[in-house]
Amino acid sequence: MYITNWDDFQKAAEDIYASSPDTTRYVHTFHGAAGELVLKVTNDQTVVKYKTNQATDLKKFIKLNLSLMEQMQNKPVNV
C-alpha cells in the first residue's frame, strides 16, 4: 500500500524497523522515465511504500536514510 503523507510513511517505516530490526528491508528505486522515487519498507509481515516525483522530497528521503542507518548502527539519532 502506498502512503501519501510523508510523516505517516516515516513513522511507519521507523516503527517497522523498531519492531523487527533483523528482518526489516528498506529499498528505494528511481524510475527515470516517470521521474518517480519509490521507497519500500518491509519486514515480510508489513509493507509500506511511498512514491513521489517532487524534488523537495529529496531532503526528507536523505533524512530518513540517515535516521535508519543510525538506528542500524545503534547510534543516537541527531536529525
Protein backbone atom coordinates (compact mmCIF):
# COMPACT_ATOMS: atom_id res chain seq x y z
CA MET A 1 0.00 0.00 0.00
CA TYR A 2 1.24 3.48 -0.80
CA ILE A 3 1.19 6.07 1.95
CA THR A 4 0.61 9.57 0.61
CA ASN A 5 1.73 11.57 3.66
CA TRP A 6 5.49 11.67 4.27
CA ASP A 7 5.26 11.94 8.07
CA ASP A 8 2.99 8.88 8.21
CA PHE A 9 5.38 6.93 5.98
CA GLN A 10 8.43 7.88 8.03
CA LYS A 11 6.73 6.90 11.29
CA ALA A 12 5.53 3.58 9.83
CA ALA A 13 9.00 2.82 8.44
CA GLU A 14 10.70 3.54 11.76
CA ASP A 15 8.06 1.51 13.64
CA ILE A 16 8.57 -1.47 11.34
CA TYR A 17 12.32 -1.31 11.88
CA ALA A 18 11.94 -0.93 15.65
CA SER A 19 9.62 -3.94 15.88
CA SER A 20 11.84 -6.31 13.87
CA PRO A 21 15.29 -4.91 13.07
CA ASP A 22 16.72 -8.28 11.98
CA THR A 23 14.18 -8.88 9.20
CA THR A 24 13.40 -5.35 8.01
CA ARG A 25 14.42 -4.37 4.49
CA TYR A 26 14.44 -0.86 3.05
CA VAL A 27 14.56 -0.43 -0.71
CA HIS A 28 14.48 2.67 -2.87
CA THR A 29 14.13 2.74 -6.63
CA PHE A 30 14.09 5.57 -9.11
CA HIS A 31 12.05 5.29 -12.28
CA GLY A 32 13.78 7.77 -14.58
CA ALA A 33 11.22 7.73 -17.37
CA ALA A 34 8.45 8.75 -14.97
CA GLY A 35 10.73 10.75 -12.66
CA GLU A 36 9.42 8.87 -9.63
CA LEU A 37 11.20 7.82 -6.47
CA VAL A 38 9.64 4.81 -4.74
CA LEU A 39 10.54 3.84 -1.18
CA LYS A 40 9.55 0.49 0.31
CA VAL A 41 9.99 -0.83 3.85
CA THR A 42 9.00 -4.37 4.78
CA ASN A 43 9.57 -6.98 7.45
CA ASP A 44 7.72 -9.72 5.49
CA GLN A 45 4.59 -9.10 7.55
CA THR A 46 4.01 -5.42 6.91
CA VAL A 47 4.81 -3.45 3.77
CA VAL A 48 4.67 0.33 3.39
CA LYS A 49 5.50 2.28 0.25
CA TYR A 50 5.86 5.92 -0.62
CA LYS A 51 6.00 7.31 -4.17
CA THR A 52 6.93 10.85 -5.15
CA ASN A 53 8.01 12.86 -8.14
CA GLN A 54 8.75 16.02 -6.14
CA ALA A 55 12.36 17.19 -5.85
CA THR A 56 11.51 18.76 -2.49
CA ASP A 57 11.04 15.27 -1.01
CA LEU A 58 14.72 14.50 -1.61
CA LYS A 59 15.77 16.13 1.68
CA LYS A 60 13.17 14.06 3.53
CA PHE A 61 14.48 10.93 1.83
CA ILE A 62 18.06 11.74 2.88
CA LYS A 63 16.93 12.44 6.44
CA LEU A 64 15.10 9.09 6.63
CA ASN A 65 18.17 7.29 5.27
CA LEU A 66 20.34 8.90 7.93
CA SER A 67 17.88 8.07 10.69
CA LEU A 68 17.57 4.40 9.70
CA MET A 69 21.32 4.00 9.23
CA GLU A 70 21.99 5.43 12.68
CA GLN A 71 19.43 3.06 14.19
CA MET A 72 21.04 0.14 12.37
CA GLN A 73 24.41 1.12 13.81
CA ASN A 74 22.91 1.61 17.30
CA LYS A 75 23.87 5.27 17.35
CA PRO A 76 21.68 8.03 18.77
CA VAL A 77 19.63 9.90 16.18
CA ASN A 78 20.78 13.52 15.79
CA VAL A 79 18.49 14.69 13.00
